[in-house]
Structures are given as structure tokens and as C-alpha cells.
Protein backbone atom coordinates (compact mmCIF):
# COMPACT_ATOMS: atom_id res chain seq x y z
CA MET A 1 -67.14 -61.12 -32.63
CA THR A 2 -66.67 -60.92 -36.41
CA MET A 3 -65.54 -57.52 -37.70
CA ALA A 4 -68.04 -55.81 -40.00
CA LEU A 5 -66.98 -55.88 -43.64
CA HIS A 6 -66.50 -52.11 -43.96
CA ALA A 7 -64.33 -52.12 -40.80
CA ALA A 8 -62.24 -55.01 -42.15
CA ILE A 9 -61.68 -53.18 -45.44
CA ALA A 10 -60.69 -49.98 -43.61
CA GLU A 11 -58.27 -51.84 -41.33
CA SER A 12 -56.71 -53.63 -44.30
CA LEU A 13 -56.00 -50.28 -45.95
CA ARG A 14 -54.60 -48.85 -42.70
CA GLU A 15 -52.25 -51.82 -42.44
CA ARG A 16 -51.01 -51.30 -46.00
CA ILE A 17 -50.26 -47.69 -45.12
CA ARG A 18 -48.55 -48.56 -41.82
CA SER A 19 -46.40 -51.23 -43.50
CA GLY A 20 -45.34 -48.95 -46.35
CA LYS A 21 -47.16 -50.91 -49.08
CA LEU A 22 -49.08 -47.68 -49.72
CA LEU A 23 -46.82 -44.63 -49.48
CA VAL A 24 -47.54 -40.95 -48.95
CA GLY A 25 -49.12 -39.44 -52.06
CA GLN A 26 -50.00 -42.78 -53.64
CA PRO A 27 -53.61 -43.40 -54.68
CA VAL A 28 -55.60 -45.93 -52.67
CA PRO A 29 -57.40 -48.67 -54.62
CA SER A 30 -60.54 -47.52 -56.38
CA GLU A 31 -64.02 -48.52 -55.29
CA ALA A 32 -64.19 -50.98 -58.20
CA GLU A 33 -60.84 -52.53 -57.29
CA LEU A 34 -61.84 -52.93 -53.65
CA CYS A 35 -65.21 -54.41 -54.60
CA ALA A 36 -63.42 -57.01 -56.71
CA GLU A 37 -60.78 -57.71 -54.06
CA TRP A 38 -63.35 -58.22 -51.29
CA ASN A 39 -66.17 -59.61 -53.45
CA ALA A 40 -68.28 -56.86 -51.93
CA SER A 41 -70.92 -54.40 -53.00
CA ARG A 42 -70.11 -50.69 -53.18
CA ALA A 43 -71.85 -49.85 -49.88
CA PRO A 44 -69.25 -51.34 -47.45
CA VAL A 45 -66.38 -50.15 -49.66
CA ARG A 46 -67.69 -46.59 -49.67
CA GLN A 47 -68.23 -46.74 -45.91
CA ALA A 48 -64.63 -47.93 -45.39
CA LEU A 49 -63.21 -45.13 -47.55
CA ALA A 50 -65.44 -42.58 -45.83
CA THR A 51 -64.10 -43.74 -42.45
CA LEU A 52 -60.50 -43.26 -43.56
CA ARG A 53 -61.28 -39.81 -44.97
CA ALA A 54 -62.92 -38.82 -41.69
CA GLU A 55 -59.84 -39.99 -39.79
CA GLY A 56 -57.62 -37.91 -42.07
CA VAL A 57 -55.72 -40.96 -43.30
CA ILE A 58 -56.58 -40.39 -46.96
CA SER A 59 -57.46 -37.29 -48.95
CA SER A 60 -61.04 -36.32 -49.75
CA SER A 61 -60.75 -34.55 -53.12
CA ARG A 62 -64.04 -34.67 -55.01
CA GLY A 63 -63.80 -36.24 -58.46
CA ARG A 64 -60.29 -37.61 -57.87
CA ARG A 65 -59.05 -40.86 -56.42
CA SER A 66 -58.09 -40.52 -52.75
CA THR A 67 -54.39 -40.58 -51.88
CA VAL A 68 -52.48 -41.31 -48.67
CA ARG A 69 -51.99 -38.13 -46.66
CA ALA A 70 -48.51 -37.16 -45.46
CA ASP A 71 -49.66 -36.21 -41.96
CA ALA A 72 -51.56 -39.41 -41.23
CA VAL A 73 -49.15 -42.24 -42.02
CA GLY A 74 -48.20 -44.50 -39.16
CA GLN A 75 -44.69 -45.60 -39.97
CA PRO A 76 -43.40 -49.17 -39.85
CA PHE A 77 -40.52 -49.98 -37.48
CA ASP A 78 -37.80 -49.60 -40.10
CA THR A 79 -38.74 -46.06 -41.12
CA LEU A 80 -38.85 -44.87 -37.51
CA MET A 81 -35.42 -46.43 -36.98
CA SER A 82 -33.78 -45.50 -40.28
CA TYR A 83 -33.66 -41.87 -41.43
CA SER A 84 -32.78 -43.04 -44.95
CA SER A 85 -35.77 -45.41 -45.18
CA TRP A 86 -38.08 -42.70 -43.89
CA ALA A 87 -36.82 -40.12 -46.39
CA ARG A 88 -37.15 -42.53 -49.31
CA SER A 89 -40.71 -43.42 -48.22
CA LEU A 90 -41.60 -39.75 -48.79
CA GLY A 91 -39.93 -39.64 -52.18
CA ARG A 92 -37.11 -37.48 -50.78
CA VAL A 93 -33.36 -37.94 -51.13
CA PRO A 94 -31.54 -38.63 -47.83
CA GLY A 95 -28.00 -37.46 -47.32
CA GLN A 96 -25.38 -37.56 -44.60
CA ARG A 97 -22.00 -36.15 -43.68
CA THR A 98 -20.00 -37.95 -41.02
CA LEU A 99 -18.41 -35.49 -38.59
CA GLU A 100 -17.14 -37.96 -35.99
CA LEU A 101 -16.92 -41.72 -35.57
CA GLY A 102 -14.59 -43.15 -32.99
CA LEU A 103 -13.96 -45.39 -30.02
CA ARG A 104 -14.36 -43.53 -26.73
CA ILE A 105 -14.34 -44.16 -22.98
CA ALA A 106 -17.88 -43.85 -21.67
CA GLY A 107 -18.48 -41.05 -19.20
CA SER A 108 -21.37 -41.10 -16.79
CA GLU A 109 -23.99 -39.95 -19.33
CA ALA A 110 -22.93 -42.36 -22.08
CA ALA A 111 -22.70 -45.23 -19.60
CA ALA A 112 -26.18 -44.49 -18.28
CA ALA A 113 -27.64 -44.26 -21.78
CA LEU A 114 -26.22 -47.64 -22.79
CA ARG A 115 -26.60 -49.18 -19.30
CA LEU A 116 -22.90 -49.92 -19.06
CA ASP A 117 -20.30 -49.39 -16.37
CA GLU A 118 -18.61 -46.02 -16.49
CA GLY A 119 -15.24 -46.38 -18.22
CA SER A 120 -16.51 -48.99 -20.69
CA MET A 121 -15.53 -48.56 -24.33
CA VAL A 122 -18.26 -47.27 -26.66
CA VAL A 123 -18.43 -45.99 -30.23
CA ARG A 124 -19.62 -42.41 -30.60
CA GLY A 125 -20.82 -40.88 -33.86
CA LEU A 126 -21.91 -37.46 -35.05
CA ARG A 127 -23.55 -36.98 -38.46
CA LEU A 128 -25.31 -34.18 -40.28
CA ARG A 129 -28.42 -35.50 -42.06
CA THR A 130 -30.07 -33.80 -45.03
CA LEU A 131 -33.24 -34.00 -47.12
CA ASP A 132 -32.68 -33.11 -50.77
CA ASP A 133 -29.34 -31.54 -49.72
CA VAL A 134 -31.04 -29.32 -47.10
CA PRO A 135 -29.58 -29.66 -43.55
CA THR A 136 -32.34 -31.19 -41.45
CA MET A 137 -31.01 -33.06 -38.44
CA LEU A 138 -27.86 -33.50 -36.36
CA GLU A 139 -27.47 -37.10 -35.24
CA ARG A 140 -25.58 -38.06 -32.08
CA ALA A 141 -25.21 -41.82 -31.74
CA LEU A 142 -23.75 -44.12 -29.12
CA TYR A 143 -23.18 -47.84 -29.70
CA VAL A 144 -21.94 -50.61 -27.48
CA GLU A 145 -18.44 -51.51 -28.61
CA SER A 146 -19.32 -54.84 -30.27
CA VAL A 147 -21.91 -53.17 -32.51
CA GLY A 148 -20.20 -49.83 -33.11
CA ARG A 149 -16.90 -51.37 -34.22
CA LEU A 150 -18.70 -52.81 -37.27
CA LEU A 151 -19.20 -49.26 -38.55
CA PHE A 152 -15.44 -48.87 -39.00
CA GLU A 153 -15.89 -51.18 -42.02
CA PHE A 154 -18.59 -48.94 -43.54
CA ASP A 155 -18.52 -45.62 -45.37
CA SER A 156 -21.06 -43.77 -43.23
CA ASP A 157 -21.37 -41.03 -45.86
CA ALA A 158 -22.60 -43.64 -48.34
CA GLY A 159 -25.91 -44.58 -46.73
CA SER A 160 -27.77 -45.94 -43.75
CA GLN A 161 -25.73 -47.19 -40.80
CA TRP A 162 -28.84 -48.98 -39.53
CA GLU A 163 -29.29 -50.90 -42.78
CA PHE A 164 -25.59 -51.79 -42.84
CA LEU A 165 -25.64 -53.09 -39.27
CA ARG A 166 -28.71 -55.19 -40.00
CA SER A 167 -26.86 -56.68 -42.99
CA ARG A 168 -24.06 -57.68 -40.60
CA GLY A 169 -26.47 -59.57 -38.36
CA VAL A 170 -27.22 -56.94 -35.71
CA VAL A 171 -30.77 -57.43 -34.44
CA PHE A 172 -32.70 -54.28 -33.55
CA ALA A 173 -35.62 -55.87 -31.72
CA ALA A 174 -37.31 -52.97 -29.93
CA ALA A 175 -36.92 -49.24 -29.41
CA SER A 176 -38.30 -46.55 -27.15
CA HIS A 177 -38.64 -42.98 -28.41
CA VAL A 178 -38.78 -39.81 -26.32
CA ILE A 179 -39.74 -36.61 -28.16
CA ASP A 180 -39.05 -33.19 -26.64
CA ALA A 181 -37.61 -29.77 -27.44
CA VAL A 182 -34.11 -28.52 -26.73
CA ALA A 183 -32.14 -25.31 -27.33
CA ALA A 184 -29.44 -25.57 -29.98
CA ASP A 185 -25.97 -25.73 -28.49
CA ALA A 186 -22.86 -24.47 -30.27
CA VAL A 187 -22.42 -27.71 -32.25
CA ASP A 188 -26.07 -27.80 -33.34
CA ALA A 189 -25.94 -24.15 -34.35
CA ALA A 190 -22.79 -24.53 -36.41
CA TRP A 191 -23.98 -27.51 -38.46
CA LEU A 192 -27.69 -26.76 -38.75
CA GLY A 193 -27.12 -23.10 -39.59
CA VAL A 194 -29.25 -21.59 -36.82
CA PRO A 195 -28.42 -19.21 -33.96
CA GLU A 196 -27.30 -20.82 -30.73
CA GLY A 197 -30.31 -21.22 -28.44
CA SER A 198 -32.76 -21.79 -31.30
CA PRO A 199 -35.46 -24.37 -30.55
CA LEU A 200 -34.88 -27.84 -31.99
CA LEU A 201 -37.07 -30.92 -31.96
CA ARG A 202 -35.23 -33.79 -30.27
CA GLN A 203 -35.83 -37.51 -30.57
CA ARG A 204 -34.00 -39.71 -28.06
CA ARG A 205 -34.07 -43.38 -28.97
CA THR A 206 -32.91 -46.38 -26.98
CA THR A 207 -32.70 -49.65 -28.91
CA THR A 208 -32.41 -53.19 -27.56
CA ASN A 209 -31.58 -56.54 -29.12
CA ALA A 210 -33.66 -59.71 -28.87
CA GLU A 211 -32.34 -60.35 -25.35
CA GLY A 212 -33.41 -56.91 -24.16
CA VAL A 213 -29.83 -55.60 -23.98
CA VAL A 214 -29.32 -51.96 -24.97
CA ILE A 215 -27.09 -51.77 -28.05
CA GLU A 216 -27.68 -48.23 -29.33
CA TYR A 217 -28.70 -44.77 -28.11
CA HIS A 218 -29.51 -41.78 -30.33
CA ASP A 219 -29.97 -38.09 -29.59
CA ASP A 220 -31.27 -36.69 -32.90
CA ARG A 221 -31.98 -32.95 -33.17
CA TYR A 222 -34.24 -31.78 -35.99
CA LEU A 223 -34.99 -28.36 -37.40
CA PRO A 224 -38.71 -27.95 -36.58
CA THR A 225 -39.20 -26.13 -39.89
CA GLU A 226 -38.21 -29.35 -41.69
CA VAL A 227 -39.55 -32.23 -39.56
CA ALA A 228 -42.48 -32.79 -37.20
CA PHE A 229 -43.73 -35.70 -35.10
CA THR A 230 -47.48 -36.22 -34.81
CA ILE A 231 -49.94 -38.70 -33.37
CA GLN A 232 -52.98 -39.72 -35.41
CA ASN A 233 -55.62 -41.71 -33.57
CA ALA A 234 -59.21 -42.87 -33.77
CA PRO A 235 -61.40 -45.15 -31.60
CA ASP A 236 -60.89 -48.21 -33.84
CA MET A 237 -57.29 -47.51 -34.86
CA ARG A 238 -53.94 -48.25 -33.23
CA THR A 239 -52.14 -44.98 -32.52
CA PRO A 240 -49.15 -44.46 -34.84
CA LEU A 241 -46.18 -42.19 -34.29
CA VAL A 242 -45.50 -40.17 -37.43
CA ARG A 243 -42.32 -38.39 -38.48
CA SER A 244 -43.23 -36.05 -41.32
CA THR A 245 -42.25 -32.89 -43.12
CA PRO A 246 -44.63 -30.16 -41.94
CA PRO A 247 -46.35 -27.57 -44.13
CA GLY A 248 -43.93 -24.75 -44.86
CA SER A 249 -40.82 -26.93 -44.78
CA THR A 250 -38.17 -26.35 -47.42
CA ARG A 251 -39.68 -29.01 -49.63
CA SER A 252 -42.94 -30.44 -48.35
CA PRO A 253 -44.53 -33.32 -50.27
CA GLU A 254 -47.23 -32.12 -52.65
């Protein structure tokens, strides 16, 4: 069955937002621009924009062009994988301080996370991540040895490890994300500047290559005052996972 024109226009705009072609805070095309693009009358264009406003995907300010809302952007694969890409997509400045990066013998937990035999060699990393110089997340990373060793050639304080590994031919084909809450341990408390036991938002990520082999595991712990994860859905819309800066964070997008 052919999709109605207004639905096709709405889905096209959603896809631009999901792919990052339209970023948070950017204006969506005007009615006139969409009419010209789709060779359409104003009626289906207005219906498409009204649908997106009702879903909360775009703003609904009267008399002003609608913009992409921060809390309704389904993120493309790279921004869910890369903290730096995500921060830049919001117009923020990502930062990092490497606290540990070394070759280690995998204990039971590390071996289970990477689906290796206990006693295998792995690369373990610990980094403090910031937004606009504000401590935001403590990143614990485990890599299989063949992937992690590549990071010894990279200045991890200089940018995105994920982007560097991709440039060296590492294929991140798929990832699973588990979001929960955890109490800050002594390490979290020291680097994030909160009392031990404070609630943190945790994202655990397991990443596989094209053959389905686990190559990376992350345990990332966010200050909930700075970062939130939300789900935005609608009957005719694929459900996106969103990592965003919530209202009241140190520097929320305007």
C-alpha cells in the first residue's frame, strides 16, 4: 500500500533527524521549501508538520519556524557509540582525561563481558568525560587484545577512541545497550565529584564485529543531572533511544 503524501513527508523529516542531517535546535524546512521539494500543495505539508509537532519531534512556536527538539531526536548509530560525536551533535564541546589504559589479565567478570576464557589478555581503560569542561561521565572500557592494543598508538586525551579505531579498520557492526542506575563507588565519587553512594545513570554496551564476535564492552556512568536517556515513540514511528542533556543540567541546549 502506497504511503499517503503527508506521512511520506513526515517520515522523510524523521529520517533526516535520526541520521543527523537535521540537528537539535536547527530549523526544519519551511512549508514553502517542502512544497517545492515534494511538488505538493500546502495541505499535506502542514499535516506532516502538525504530526511531528504532536509527536514532540519538532517545536510548535507560533509565528516562528519549527526547530528540532532536544528531547525527541533518535540518534544514529555513531552518536550512540561515540560520546564525542554525540556531544558535537548538540553543539557542545566533548572532553576527556585518560586515567588508565593498559594490558590486563581478564578476571571472571571481564572474561564474561568479552566472552573470552578467564586469564585471556584484554585492554582496560578508564576515562573521565566532560561536556564544556564539566565532568559528566566516567567511562570504563574493555577491549579484546587485538583491538585494544591499537589504542596504545593513540593519544586518548586528544579525541574519540571509537573514531580512531574505525580509522584503523575496526568494524563496529552492532551493539546492545542496557540502561540502569547504580550507586557511585569510591572511584566514581572521586572523579565525578559526588558523595559515594550517589545515584548514577549507567549505560552498559556490548559491541560486536561483522562476524558477531564481541570486541568491546563499556560500563559508562553518567551524572543524572547532566545526561538522560529517553524513548520517544508513536504508532507510525520507529522507537529511537535518545541520549540527551535534561532540563536543569549545567548547560542545557537552548
